[in-house]
Amino acid sequence: MKLVLTAALLAAALPAAAADLRFAATSDPNTLDPNAGNSAPVFSLLGNVYEGLVRRDREMTIEPALAEAWEPLEDGDGWRFRLRQGVKFHGGQDFTAEDVIFSYERASSEQSDTSSWFAGVTSVEAIDDYTVEIRTEAPNPIFVDGIANWMMMDSGWAAENGAERPNIEQGNFATLNTNGTGPYMVTERQPGLKTVLTAFDGWWGEDRGNVTTATFTPVQNSATAVAALLSGELDLIEPVPVQDAERVDATDGVNVIRGIEARVIMLGFPHDKDTLLTGGENPFKDVRVREAVAHAINVPAILQTVMRGSAEPTGQLVSATTRGYTSGIEQRAYDPDRARELLAEAGYPDGFAFSFKCTNDRYLNDEAVCTAINAMLAQVGLKPAFETVPVANYWPALRADEHDMYLLGWSPGTFDAEHPIRFLVSTPNEEKLLGSWNFGGYSSPRIDQLLPGIQSEIDEEARQIMLDEVANIVADDVAYVPLYIQPLIWGVRDGAEVIQRPDNFLNIRWINLPE
């Protein structure tokens, strides 16, 4: 069943102060399927179309969405959600507990890119049409925080269109079509060119601005995006290149909105590979080599020259604003002499060749940052085979193990330090849905032992002790080389009211454009 919207229906949905938003970003979501792409561009766009049981407000606090209320089960092993009644999908279907059960089965399936969110879930049961109980192996005090991006799909619509499960590689009907309950519905989708969202008049909520039509255009060339903003062709772009921010902010008719994202930019290593893509043994298995890489990179220079002072250095996988952050772990200092000493101690006085992959359209100034890193590594005798690729090709390459050292940005979806532990440093285990973004295969038995306690401990002090131990293990092992916390730099039309959150999601319902 395709969702067909006539011109008359759309016109009837427009409020008096109707406004059309035209916005652009560098990355086009690779899918409209909420379970086929576990990435910020996908969730940012689809968060306007689909909804979860809970959501985050303007201050990133969890609040009710399709669930009006929730409470821990009497034995503590799970949660009971009481669903909002009267909610309609865009196609007119009622939202009920049946759709929650289906959405769990779909999102947790082995075909899904979001399956790791449900590690530890033992069952999801409908008590009645508007009550659902989700049971977990042990008490999980952060479970609700972890499902803010779990989006509800209509079971009947998915079955009717052959989209009962996501298909990451080949796609299916849900790849290009949507049927959510959110404030906007997708009325046109041309991958890589344009996506049009139109206000859904039957939305249950009330907190919505004056945008009735939003047209998203991916623009990889930042100079083109800036020119379109300055000429009035676009109302919002993200990001504004750091080198253009002052010029844009000084131009009449536009403003720059600045902030700090929760995303840490880091380098990853091939921990579990015996040989490199370039041939020969894998020196990165030696912690001294990984530490040498950390000392070889002049992060302050990158932040000053490439990022124009907009980013913040970090020595761990989360920022200080994240719950469970560990104090006292500093970034390794730039020390090329020490880097050369460590390489010599490890048996590589003349360096070695390896593949170094980066994106060129995913993170702010990613290609320029990696170009600088490439030169710095060469200065200590290393021989990176440097390559930048579009993000659409990047993730498949990493998942296919076609990498040595690589660039990665990570924003904790739960805004809790447990999140990167589960995804980035747990030993990859498909059965337990752990380490799904641990492309390098890093493994620490002690971290694996601590994680269940971190996930279930209610006492904050006891939990922090475990989090601190993990953070120190990750730092000592140089599992990754954290570089900096990515800034947020958006350009907007003068007079536009926009909410910028540290998850870098654009909530269209909070936007008000001037008439």
Protein backbone atom coordinates (compact mmCIF):
# COMPACT_ATOMS: atom_id res chain seq x y z
CA MET A 1 0.00 0.00 0.00
CA LYS A 2 1.58 3.27 -1.09
CA LEU A 3 0.83 6.46 0.79
CA VAL A 4 -0.92 8.80 -1.68
CA LEU A 5 -1.60 12.42 -0.73
CA THR A 6 -3.74 14.61 -2.94
CA ALA A 7 -3.16 18.33 -3.40
CA ALA A 8 -6.49 19.06 -1.73
CA LEU A 9 -5.56 17.09 1.38
CA LEU A 10 -2.20 18.83 1.62
CA ALA A 11 -3.74 22.27 1.23
CA ALA A 12 -6.24 21.53 3.97
CA ALA A 13 -3.40 20.66 6.33
CA LEU A 14 -1.63 24.02 6.00
CA PRO A 15 -2.01 26.47 8.90
CA ALA A 16 -2.41 30.19 8.30
CA ALA A 17 1.28 31.00 8.78
CA ALA A 18 2.49 28.27 6.43
CA ALA A 19 6.23 28.38 5.66
CA ASP A 20 8.47 26.36 3.37
CA LEU A 21 11.87 25.34 4.72
CA ARG A 22 14.76 24.73 2.33
CA PHE A 23 17.76 23.12 4.02
CA ALA A 24 20.95 21.31 3.09
CA ALA A 25 23.61 19.10 4.64
CA THR A 26 26.65 17.31 3.27
CA SER A 27 25.35 13.74 3.81
CA ASP A 28 22.18 12.31 2.32
CA PRO A 29 20.65 9.56 4.49
CA ASN A 30 21.44 6.25 2.82
CA THR A 31 17.94 4.93 3.57
CA LEU A 32 14.49 5.86 4.88
CA ASP A 33 14.30 2.54 6.73
CA PRO A 34 14.76 3.25 10.48
CA ASN A 35 16.37 -0.16 11.02
CA ALA A 36 18.70 -0.21 8.00
CA GLY A 37 20.96 2.72 8.84
CA ASN A 38 22.31 3.30 12.34
CA SER A 39 23.65 6.81 11.74
CA ALA A 40 22.92 10.41 12.69
CA PRO A 41 21.88 11.55 9.17
CA VAL A 42 19.26 8.78 9.04
CA PHE A 43 17.87 9.44 12.53
CA SER A 44 17.95 13.21 12.13
CA LEU A 45 15.72 13.07 9.05
CA LEU A 46 13.51 10.17 10.13
CA GLY A 47 12.99 11.66 13.59
CA ASN A 48 10.61 14.05 11.86
CA VAL A 49 8.67 11.19 10.27
CA TYR A 50 8.74 8.25 12.67
CA GLU A 51 8.41 8.32 16.46
CA GLY A 52 9.49 6.17 19.36
CA LEU A 53 7.95 5.32 22.68
CA VAL A 54 10.05 8.14 24.14
CA ARG A 55 11.92 11.12 22.70
CA ARG A 56 14.33 13.85 23.79
CA ASP A 57 13.17 17.40 24.38
CA ARG A 58 15.02 20.62 23.60
CA GLU A 59 17.34 20.06 26.57
CA MET A 60 17.97 16.38 25.67
CA THR A 61 15.81 15.14 28.55
CA ILE A 62 13.75 12.00 27.90
CA GLU A 63 10.02 12.74 27.64
CA PRO A 64 6.87 10.81 26.59
CA ALA A 65 6.15 10.26 22.91
CA LEU A 66 4.09 7.25 21.77
CA ALA A 67 4.21 6.01 25.34
CA GLU A 68 2.44 8.33 27.77
CA ALA A 69 4.11 6.78 30.81
CA TRP A 70 6.47 3.98 31.86
CA GLU A 71 7.58 2.30 35.04
CA PRO A 72 9.94 -0.49 36.13
CA LEU A 73 8.38 -3.93 36.46
CA GLU A 74 7.77 -5.15 39.98
CA ASP A 75 10.77 -7.51 39.91
CA GLY A 76 12.98 -4.81 38.37
CA ASP A 77 13.84 -6.86 35.28
CA GLY A 78 12.23 -4.67 32.66
CA TRP A 79 9.77 -1.86 32.00
CA ARG A 80 6.05 -1.41 31.47
CA PHE A 81 4.99 1.18 28.86
CA ARG A 82 1.50 2.61 28.66
CA LEU A 83 0.84 3.66 25.07
CA ARG A 84 -0.79 6.84 23.84
CA GLN A 85 -4.27 6.18 22.46
CA GLY A 86 -5.75 7.75 19.35
CA VAL A 87 -2.44 7.93 17.44
CA LYS A 88 -2.66 7.44 13.68
CA PHE A 89 -0.02 6.46 11.16
CA HIS A 90 0.23 8.65 8.07
CA GLY A 91 -1.73 6.05 6.14
CA GLY A 92 -4.61 6.18 8.62
CA GLN A 93 -3.86 3.01 10.59
CA ASP A 94 -4.20 2.97 14.40
CA PHE A 95 -1.05 2.67 16.49
CA THR A 96 -1.35 -0.17 19.02
CA ALA A 97 0.77 -2.60 21.01
CA GLU A 98 0.85 -4.90 17.99
CA ASP A 99 3.01 -2.33 16.20
CA VAL A 100 5.41 -2.14 19.17
CA ILE A 101 5.86 -5.92 19.10
CA PHE A 102 6.46 -5.84 15.35
CA SER A 103 8.85 -2.90 15.62
CA TYR A 104 10.86 -4.75 18.27
CA GLU A 105 11.05 -7.93 16.20
CA ARG A 106 12.13 -5.92 13.16
CA ALA A 107 14.63 -3.65 14.92
CA SER A 108 16.24 -6.52 16.86
CA SER A 109 16.45 -8.92 13.91
CA GLU A 110 19.82 -10.02 12.56
CA GLN A 111 19.06 -8.09 9.36
CA SER A 112 18.79 -4.83 11.30
CA ASP A 113 21.54 -2.26 11.87
CA THR A 114 19.92 -1.40 15.22
CA SER A 115 19.83 -4.91 16.70
CA SER A 116 22.52 -4.16 19.28
CA TRP A 117 20.18 -1.71 21.03
CA PHE A 118 18.25 -4.70 22.35
CA ALA A 119 21.08 -6.72 23.85
CA GLY A 120 19.76 -8.08 27.14
CA VAL A 121 16.09 -7.91 26.16
CA THR A 122 14.46 -11.30 26.76
CA SER A 123 10.88 -10.60 25.66
CA VAL A 124 8.42 -7.94 24.57
CA GLU A 125 4.77 -8.70 25.36
CA ALA A 126 1.47 -6.90 24.79
CA ILE A 127 -0.60 -6.93 27.99
CA ASP A 128 -3.45 -5.26 26.13
CA ASP A 129 -3.80 -3.00 23.07
CA TYR A 130 -2.15 -0.11 24.87
CA THR A 131 0.21 -1.71 27.39
CA VAL A 132 3.56 -3.32 26.60
CA GLU A 133 6.06 -4.99 28.91
CA ILE A 134 9.72 -5.24 27.89
CA ARG A 135 11.69 -7.73 29.97
CA THR A 136 15.47 -7.68 30.36
CA GLU A 137 17.99 -10.19 31.69
CA ALA A 138 18.75 -7.90 34.64
CA PRO A 139 17.70 -4.46 35.86
CA ASN A 140 18.68 -1.90 33.23
CA PRO A 141 18.32 1.67 34.56
CA ILE A 142 19.46 3.24 31.27
CA PHE A 143 17.21 1.20 28.96
CA VAL A 144 14.69 3.99 28.42
CA ASP A 145 17.48 6.43 27.50
CA GLY A 146 18.72 3.91 24.96
CA ILE A 147 15.53 3.63 22.93
CA ALA A 148 14.94 7.29 22.07
CA ASN A 149 15.76 6.52 18.41
CA TRP A 150 13.80 3.25 18.25
CA MET A 151 11.08 4.16 15.77
CA MET A 152 7.66 2.53 15.57
CA MET A 153 6.49 1.09 12.24
CA ASP A 154 3.03 -0.08 11.21
CA SER A 155 3.01 -3.88 11.06
CA GLY A 156 0.27 -4.08 8.45
CA TRP A 157 1.91 -1.56 6.12
CA ALA A 158 5.23 -3.36 6.31
CA ALA A 159 3.65 -6.77 5.63
CA GLU A 160 1.59 -5.43 2.74
CA ASN A 161 4.67 -4.00 1.08
CA GLY A 162 7.14 -6.82 1.72
CA ALA A 163 9.16 -4.83 4.27
CA GLU A 164 8.78 -7.05 7.34
CA ARG A 165 12.55 -6.98 7.78
CA PRO A 166 15.14 -4.41 6.70
CA ASN A 167 17.38 -5.17 3.76
CA ILE A 168 20.57 -3.17 4.24
CA GLU A 169 22.33 -4.30 1.08
CA GLN A 170 19.58 -4.43 -1.54
CA GLY A 171 16.84 -2.34 0.05
CA ASN A 172 13.09 -2.84 -0.05
CA PHE A 173 9.90 -0.74 -0.05
CA ALA A 174 10.79 0.90 3.27
CA THR A 175 14.10 2.10 1.83
CA LEU A 176 12.35 4.76 -0.26
CA ASN A 177 8.91 5.00 1.39
CA THR A 178 7.69 5.81 4.90
CA ASN A 179 4.58 5.48 7.03
CA GLY A 180 5.21 6.92 10.47
CA THR A 181 3.21 8.71 13.13
CA GLY A 182 5.41 11.82 13.25
CA PRO A 183 4.65 15.48 12.50
CA TYR A 184 5.93 15.19 8.91
CA MET A 185 5.54 12.66 6.12
CA VAL A 186 7.84 12.03 3.17
CA THR A 187 6.02 13.03 -0.01
CA GLU A 188 8.99 12.85 -2.40
CA ARG A 189 12.27 10.99 -2.24
CA GLN A 190 15.05 11.20 -4.83
CA PRO A 191 18.16 9.68 -3.21
CA GLY A 192 21.15 11.98 -3.50
CA LEU A 193 19.03 14.79 -4.95
CA LYS A 194 16.01 15.80 -2.89
CA THR A 195 13.68 14.73 -0.09
CA VAL A 196 10.41 16.58 0.55
CA LEU A 197 8.58 16.40 3.88
CA THR A 198 5.06 17.73 4.35
CA ALA A 199 3.24 18.46 7.62
CA PHE A 200 0.91 15.66 8.76
CA ASP A 201 -2.39 17.22 9.75
CA GLY A 202 -3.37 14.16 11.80
CA TRP A 203 -0.37 14.34 14.14
CA TRP A 204 -1.30 13.87 17.80
CA GLY A 205 1.15 16.48 19.13
CA GLU A 206 0.86 20.24 19.48
CA ASP A 207 4.43 21.53 19.80
CA ARG A 208 5.02 22.49 16.17
CA GLY A 209 6.26 25.65 14.44
CA ASN A 210 5.12 27.09 11.13
CA VAL A 211 7.02 24.86 8.68
CA THR A 212 4.53 22.99 6.52
CA THR A 213 6.87 21.84 3.74
CA ALA A 214 10.56 21.07 4.14
CA THR A 215 12.82 20.32 1.19
CA PHE A 216 16.16 18.72 1.98
CA THR A 217 18.98 18.83 -0.56
CA PRO A 218 22.32 17.09 0.02
CA VAL A 219 25.13 19.44 -1.02
CA GLN A 220 28.57 17.89 -0.69
CA ASN A 221 30.41 21.00 -1.90
CA SER A 222 30.44 23.35 1.10
CA ALA A 223 31.15 26.42 -1.03
CA THR A 224 28.00 25.70 -3.04
CA ALA A 225 25.94 25.41 0.16
CA VAL A 226 27.29 28.66 1.57
CA ALA A 227 26.60 30.49 -1.71
CA ALA A 228 23.02 29.16 -1.74
CA LEU A 229 22.47 30.35 1.85
CA LEU A 230 23.88 33.81 1.14
CA SER A 231 21.79 34.17 -2.03
CA GLY A 232 18.57 33.21 -0.25
CA GLU A 233 18.15 29.88 -2.07
CA LEU A 234 18.43 28.01 1.24
CA ASP A 235 17.10 28.82 4.72
CA LEU A 236 19.48 26.55 6.67
CA ILE A 237 22.72 24.68 6.03
CA GLU A 238 24.73 22.42 8.26
CA PRO A 239 27.55 22.52 8.65
CA VAL A 240 28.98 25.88 7.72
CA PRO A 241 32.68 25.26 6.97
CA VAL A 242 34.74 26.60 9.86
CA GLN A 243 36.80 28.72 7.50
CA ASP A 244 33.62 30.46 6.26
CA ALA A 245 31.82 30.91 9.58
CA GLU A 246 33.00 34.46 10.33
CA ARG A 247 32.25 35.64 6.79
CA VAL A 248 28.78 34.11 6.88
CA ASP A 249 28.03 35.57 10.30
CA ALA A 250 29.06 39.03 9.12
CA THR A 251 26.73 38.92 6.12
CA ASP A 252 23.38 40.68 6.35
CA GLY A 253 20.37 38.38 6.21
CA VAL A 254 22.00 35.27 7.69
CA ASN A 255 23.27 34.12 11.09
CA VAL A 256 25.61 31.42 12.37
CA ILE A 257 24.51 29.19 15.25
CA ARG A 258 27.39 27.57 17.13
CA GLY A 259 27.53 24.73 19.61
CA ILE A 260 29.46 21.60 20.56
CA GLU A 261 28.23 18.21 19.43
CA ALA A 262 28.50 15.14 21.64
CA ARG A 263 30.49 13.46 18.85
CA VAL A 264 34.11 12.45 19.47
CA ILE A 265 36.31 12.15 16.38
CA MET A 266 38.89 9.37 16.72
CA LEU A 267 41.20 6.99 14.88
CA GLY A 268 40.61 3.24 14.97
CA PHE A 269 43.06 0.35 14.48
CA PRO A 270 42.98 -3.22 13.13
CA HIS A 271 43.49 -5.00 16.46
CA ASP A 272 42.49 -8.51 15.44
CA LYS A 273 44.06 -8.77 11.97
CA ASP A 274 47.23 -10.80 11.47
CA THR A 275 48.15 -8.99 8.25
CA LEU A 276 47.59 -5.52 6.82
CA LEU A 277 45.89 -4.64 3.55
CA THR A 278 49.26 -3.48 2.28
CA GLY A 279 50.77 -6.89 3.07
CA GLY A 280 52.96 -8.14 5.89
CA GLU A 281 52.33 -8.54 9.60
CA ASN A 282 50.10 -6.18 11.56
CA PRO A 283 52.22 -3.85 13.76
CA PHE A 284 49.08 -2.23 15.21
CA LYS A 285 48.63 -5.26 17.45
CA ASP A 286 51.49 -3.78 19.52
CA VAL A 287 50.28 -1.08 21.94
CA ARG A 288 53.57 0.80 21.47
CA VAL A 289 52.76 1.33 17.81
CA ARG A 290 49.28 2.63 18.63
CA GLU A 291 50.77 4.94 21.25
CA ALA A 292 53.30 6.16 18.69
CA VAL A 293 50.44 7.17 16.41
CA ALA A 294 48.87 9.14 19.27
CA HIS A 295 52.13 11.01 19.96
CA ALA A 296 52.68 11.69 16.25
CA ILE A 297 49.49 13.71 15.83
CA ASN A 298 49.58 17.38 16.67
CA VAL A 299 45.95 17.80 17.71
CA PRO A 300 46.35 21.42 18.90
CA ALA A 301 47.69 22.39 15.47
CA ILE A 302 44.76 20.66 13.75
CA LEU A 303 42.28 22.45 15.98
CA GLN A 304 43.93 25.79 15.37
CA THR A 305 44.50 25.57 11.61
CA VAL A 306 41.92 23.14 10.23
CA MET A 307 39.12 23.64 12.77
CA ARG A 308 39.83 27.35 13.38
CA GLY A 309 39.54 26.97 17.15
CA SER A 310 35.98 25.63 17.00
CA ALA A 311 36.60 22.12 18.39
CA GLU A 312 37.69 20.85 21.81
CA PRO A 313 40.45 18.23 22.38
CA THR A 314 39.61 15.05 24.27
CA GLY A 315 41.42 12.03 25.64
CA GLN A 316 38.48 9.62 25.83
CA LEU A 317 35.51 8.35 23.86
CA VAL A 318 32.90 10.69 25.39
CA SER A 319 32.76 14.37 26.20
CA ALA A 320 32.60 15.86 29.70
CA THR A 321 28.87 16.53 29.24
CA THR A 322 28.14 12.79 29.02
CA ARG A 323 26.80 10.92 32.03
CA GLY A 324 29.54 8.68 33.42
CA TYR A 325 32.46 10.73 32.09
CA THR A 326 35.78 9.89 33.73
CA SER A 327 37.87 12.82 34.94
CA GLY A 328 41.66 12.83 34.88
CA ILE A 329 42.31 11.12 31.53
CA GLU A 330 44.28 13.52 29.37
CA GLN A 331 45.02 13.38 25.69
CA ARG A 332 48.53 12.10 24.86
CA ALA A 333 50.76 15.05 24.08
CA TYR A 334 52.20 15.70 20.66
CA ASP A 335 55.73 14.29 20.86
CA PRO A 336 57.19 13.11 17.53
CA ASP A 337 60.49 12.10 19.15
CA ARG A 338 58.66 9.82 21.57
CA ALA A 339 56.67 8.43 18.64
CA ARG A 340 59.90 7.49 16.83
CA GLU A 341 61.29 5.91 20.02
CA LEU A 342 58.17 3.78 20.46
CA LEU A 343 58.27 2.63 16.84
CA ALA A 344 61.91 1.64 17.25
CA GLU A 345 61.17 -0.18 20.51
CA ALA A 346 58.41 -2.12 18.75
CA GLY A 347 60.82 -3.12 15.97
CA TYR A 348 59.83 -0.62 13.28
CA PRO A 349 62.56 2.04 13.27
CA ASP A 350 61.92 2.71 9.59
CA GLY A 351 58.15 2.68 9.92
CA PHE A 352 55.85 0.54 7.81
CA ALA A 353 53.17 0.86 5.13
CA PHE A 354 49.46 0.59 5.91
CA SER A 355 46.06 1.64 4.62
CA PHE A 356 44.58 4.81 6.12
CA LYS A 357 40.91 5.39 5.23
CA CYS A 358 38.81 8.49 5.90
CA THR A 359 35.48 9.93 4.85
CA ASN A 360 35.31 13.08 2.76
CA ASP A 361 31.64 13.99 3.31
CA ARG A 362 30.60 12.79 6.76
CA TYR A 363 32.30 14.84 9.49
CA LEU A 364 33.15 18.52 9.60
CA ASN A 365 36.38 19.07 7.60
CA ASP A 366 37.03 15.31 7.70
CA GLU A 367 39.18 15.19 4.56
CA ALA A 368 41.29 18.18 5.64
CA VAL A 369 41.78 16.70 9.12
CA CYS A 370 42.91 13.37 7.70
CA THR A 371 45.21 15.07 5.22
CA ALA A 372 46.94 16.79 8.13
CA ILE A 373 47.16 13.54 10.09
CA ASN A 374 48.59 11.76 7.04
CA ALA A 375 51.44 14.29 6.85
CA MET A 376 52.12 14.06 10.59
CA LEU A 377 52.36 10.26 10.48
CA ALA A 378 54.80 10.50 7.59
CA GLN A 379 57.00 12.85 9.63
CA VAL A 380 57.70 10.08 12.19
CA GLY A 381 58.54 7.55 9.49
CA LEU A 382 55.18 5.87 8.97
CA LYS A 383 53.98 5.23 5.42
CA PRO A 384 50.19 5.54 5.23
CA ALA A 385 48.42 4.72 1.96
CA PHE A 386 45.94 7.53 2.40
CA GLU A 387 42.48 7.32 0.85
CA THR A 388 39.28 9.34 1.32
CA VAL A 389 35.90 8.04 0.20
CA PRO A 390 32.24 9.12 0.41
CA VAL A 391 30.44 7.84 3.48
CA ALA A 392 28.08 5.78 1.29
CA ASN A 393 31.09 3.60 0.39
CA TYR A 394 32.91 3.98 3.68
CA TRP A 395 30.69 1.99 6.04
CA PRO A 396 30.42 -1.02 3.70
CA ALA A 397 34.23 -1.07 3.40
CA LEU A 398 34.71 -1.00 7.17
CA ARG A 399 32.11 -3.70 7.71
CA ALA A 400 33.80 -5.82 5.05
CA ASP A 401 37.10 -5.49 6.97
CA GLU A 402 38.67 -3.55 4.09
CA HIS A 403 40.70 -1.22 6.29
CA ASP A 404 43.75 -0.83 8.46
CA MET A 405 43.66 2.49 10.33
CA TYR A 406 40.44 4.49 9.93
CA LEU A 407 38.59 7.62 11.04
CA LEU A 408 35.44 7.35 13.14
CA GLY A 409 33.10 9.82 14.80
CA TRP A 410 30.89 8.64 17.66
CA SER A 411 28.01 10.35 19.39
CA PRO A 412 26.49 8.35 22.28
CA GLY A 413 22.80 7.96 21.51
CA THR A 414 22.00 7.50 25.19
CA PHE A 415 24.29 10.35 26.30
CA ASP A 416 25.78 7.85 28.73
CA ALA A 417 29.36 6.50 28.79
CA GLU A 418 28.02 2.94 28.58
CA HIS A 419 27.08 3.54 24.94
CA PRO A 420 30.56 3.51 23.33
CA ILE A 421 31.60 0.67 25.62
CA ARG A 422 28.82 -1.47 24.21
CA PHE A 423 29.36 -0.48 20.59
CA LEU A 424 33.06 0.34 20.23
CA VAL A 425 35.12 -1.62 22.80
CA SER A 426 33.09 -4.72 23.66
CA THR A 427 34.43 -7.84 21.99
CA PRO A 428 32.32 -8.26 18.83
CA ASN A 429 29.65 -10.86 19.52
CA GLU A 430 26.74 -11.13 17.11
CA GLU A 431 24.78 -13.45 19.39
CA LYS A 432 24.95 -10.99 22.29
CA LEU A 433 24.59 -7.97 19.96
CA LEU A 434 27.82 -6.41 21.22
CA GLY A 435 30.65 -4.55 19.49
CA SER A 436 28.67 -3.91 16.32
CA TRP A 437 30.77 -0.82 15.46
CA ASN A 438 34.04 -2.24 16.80
CA PHE A 439 35.46 -2.56 13.28
CA GLY A 440 39.01 -3.16 14.51
CA GLY A 441 38.04 -6.10 16.71
CA TYR A 442 39.49 -4.65 19.93
CA SER A 443 38.97 -7.03 22.86
CA SER A 444 39.44 -6.75 26.62
CA PRO A 445 38.13 -9.58 28.83
CA ARG A 446 37.98 -7.18 31.77
CA ILE A 447 35.79 -4.71 29.89
CA ASP A 448 33.50 -7.53 28.79
CA GLN A 449 33.28 -8.60 32.44
CA LEU A 450 32.44 -5.09 33.66
CA LEU A 451 29.83 -4.17 31.06
CA PRO A 452 26.86 -6.14 32.50
CA GLY A 453 27.41 -4.46 35.87
CA ILE A 454 27.60 -1.02 34.27
CA GLN A 455 24.30 -1.71 32.51
CA SER A 456 22.48 -2.92 35.63
CA GLU A 457 24.02 -1.05 38.59
CA ILE A 458 21.59 1.43 40.15
CA ASP A 459 24.05 2.91 42.66
CA GLU A 460 25.67 5.82 40.76
CA GLU A 461 28.90 5.79 42.78
CA ALA A 462 29.45 2.05 42.31
CA ARG A 463 28.62 2.38 38.62
CA GLN A 464 31.09 5.25 38.17
CA ILE A 465 33.90 3.15 39.64
CA MET A 466 33.32 0.56 36.91
CA LEU A 467 33.06 3.21 34.20
CA ASP A 468 36.31 4.77 35.39
CA GLU A 469 38.07 1.41 35.22
CA VAL A 470 36.90 0.84 31.65
CA ALA A 471 37.90 4.34 30.55
CA ASN A 472 41.40 3.83 31.93
CA ILE A 473 41.76 0.42 30.27
CA VAL A 474 40.73 1.91 26.91
CA ALA A 475 43.21 4.77 27.36
CA ASP A 476 46.09 2.53 28.50
CA ASP A 477 45.49 0.10 25.64
CA VAL A 478 45.21 2.95 23.13
CA ALA A 479 42.19 1.10 21.77
CA TYR A 480 41.46 4.29 19.81
CA VAL A 481 43.14 7.66 19.49
CA PRO A 482 40.53 10.27 20.49
CA LEU A 483 41.21 13.56 18.70
CA TYR A 484 38.55 16.17 19.42
CA ILE A 485 34.88 16.87 20.05
CA GLN A 486 33.23 18.05 16.86
CA PRO A 487 31.69 21.54 16.82
CA LEU A 488 28.26 22.43 15.52
CA ILE A 489 28.17 25.32 13.07
CA TRP A 490 24.86 25.96 11.32
CA GLY A 491 23.96 28.80 8.99
CA VAL A 492 20.38 30.08 9.06
CA ARG A 493 18.26 32.74 7.44
CA ASP A 494 17.91 35.87 9.55
CA GLY A 495 14.87 35.71 11.81
CA ALA A 496 14.60 31.92 11.77
CA GLU A 497 14.01 30.27 15.15
CA VAL A 498 15.96 27.00 15.28
CA ILE A 499 16.85 24.61 18.11
CA GLN A 500 20.39 23.19 17.94
CA ARG A 501 20.95 20.11 20.09
CA PRO A 502 24.25 18.30 20.81
CA ASP A 503 23.04 15.22 18.91
CA ASN A 504 23.01 17.35 15.70
CA PHE A 505 19.44 16.29 14.89
CA LEU A 506 17.29 18.83 13.06
CA ASN A 507 13.78 18.86 14.52
CA ILE A 508 11.68 20.61 11.89
CA ARG A 509 8.69 20.90 14.24
CA TRP A 510 10.63 23.38 16.39
CA ILE A 511 11.46 25.71 13.51
CA ASN A 512 9.69 29.00 12.91
CA LEU A 513 10.53 30.93 9.76
CA PRO A 514 9.82 34.64 9.29
CA GLU A 515 7.00 35.49 6.90
